[in-house]
Amino acid sequence: MSKEHLQTIEKLVVEQGEKKGDYYHASFTCKEILEVMGKPNTPGEQRYLAHTVKAFYPKSSQEIGSGDSGWILNIKIRSK
């Protein structure tokens, strides 16, 4: 997994998310995260990003989004 992916996700969640107890919560589409990273919005990049969130943030969830925007990622990260 790319360290760049993890750093970008954590930064976005902390900056734009909401803190509830010991966790930060935020929802983004794959397209939004890929745009911040400067990566192309392709189905392969969307799948990789969704897999990264599922693997590294097990308390997170995913919802089906539109074809262009990709999955909607509901990310939950423990505050440090």
Protein backbone atom coordinates (compact mmCIF):
# COMPACT_ATOMS: atom_id res chain seq x y z
CA MET A 1 0.00 0.00 0.00
CA SER A 2 1.18 3.46 -0.78
CA LYS A 3 2.25 5.61 2.14
CA GLU A 4 1.04 8.59 0.10
CA HIS A 5 -2.50 7.17 0.05
CA LEU A 6 -2.56 6.69 3.82
CA GLN A 7 -1.12 10.13 4.58
CA THR A 8 -3.60 11.86 2.27
CA ILE A 9 -6.59 9.97 3.70
CA GLU A 10 -5.59 10.73 7.30
CA LYS A 11 -4.95 14.39 6.53
CA LEU A 12 -8.33 14.82 4.83
CA VAL A 13 -10.24 13.04 7.60
CA VAL A 14 -8.60 15.07 10.38
CA GLU A 15 -8.97 18.41 8.55
CA GLN A 16 -12.49 17.98 7.16
CA GLY A 17 -13.97 15.29 9.36
CA GLU A 18 -15.86 15.44 12.61
CA LYS A 19 -14.37 14.26 15.90
CA LYS A 20 -16.63 11.96 17.90
CA GLY A 21 -15.05 10.53 21.03
CA ASP A 22 -11.80 8.77 20.14
CA TYR A 23 -12.46 8.80 16.38
CA TYR A 24 -12.59 11.14 13.41
CA HIS A 25 -15.39 10.47 10.91
CA ALA A 26 -15.59 11.73 7.33
CA SER A 27 -17.11 10.72 4.00
CA PHE A 28 -15.44 11.24 0.65
CA THR A 29 -15.85 9.84 -2.82
CA CYS A 30 -12.88 8.11 -4.39
CA LYS A 31 -12.81 10.89 -6.97
CA GLU A 32 -12.39 13.58 -4.28
CA ILE A 33 -9.42 11.81 -2.69
CA LEU A 34 -7.78 11.04 -6.03
CA GLU A 35 -8.08 14.70 -7.09
CA VAL A 36 -6.31 15.84 -3.91
CA MET A 37 -3.55 13.30 -4.60
CA GLY A 38 -3.22 14.34 -8.25
CA LYS A 39 -3.96 10.78 -9.42
CA PRO A 40 -6.13 9.90 -12.43
CA ASN A 41 -9.76 9.05 -11.69
CA THR A 42 -9.80 5.58 -13.25
CA PRO A 43 -11.69 2.46 -12.13
CA GLY A 44 -8.37 0.84 -11.18
CA GLU A 45 -7.31 3.76 -8.96
CA GLN A 46 -10.78 3.81 -7.36
CA ARG A 47 -10.60 0.07 -6.55
CA TYR A 48 -7.10 0.45 -5.12
CA LEU A 49 -8.19 3.36 -2.93
CA ALA A 50 -11.30 1.51 -1.70
CA HIS A 51 -9.16 -1.55 -0.93
CA THR A 52 -6.64 0.59 0.98
CA VAL A 53 -9.40 2.06 3.16
CA LYS A 54 -10.91 -1.37 3.81
CA ALA A 55 -7.53 -2.90 4.70
CA PHE A 56 -6.11 -0.15 6.92
CA TYR A 57 -9.25 1.32 8.49
CA PRO A 58 -11.45 -1.68 9.42
CA LYS A 59 -14.05 0.46 11.21
CA SER A 60 -14.73 2.29 7.93
CA SER A 61 -17.43 1.39 5.40
CA GLN A 62 -18.12 1.81 1.71
CA GLU A 63 -21.24 2.64 -0.28
CA ILE A 64 -21.84 2.42 -4.00
CA GLY A 65 -21.49 5.82 -5.65
CA SER A 66 -21.85 7.02 -9.21
CA GLY A 67 -19.70 5.63 -12.01
CA ASP A 68 -17.58 8.79 -12.28
CA SER A 69 -17.14 9.45 -8.56
CA GLY A 70 -16.57 5.85 -7.53
CA TRP A 71 -17.23 4.44 -4.10
CA ILE A 72 -18.32 6.64 -1.22
CA LEU A 73 -15.87 5.96 1.58
CA ASN A 74 -17.12 6.50 5.13
CA ILE A 75 -13.81 6.65 6.94
CA LYS A 76 -13.36 6.26 10.68
CA ILE A 77 -9.88 6.83 12.12
CA ARG A 78 -8.83 6.68 15.76
CA SER A 79 -7.46 10.00 16.98
CA LYS A 80 -3.86 9.90 18.13
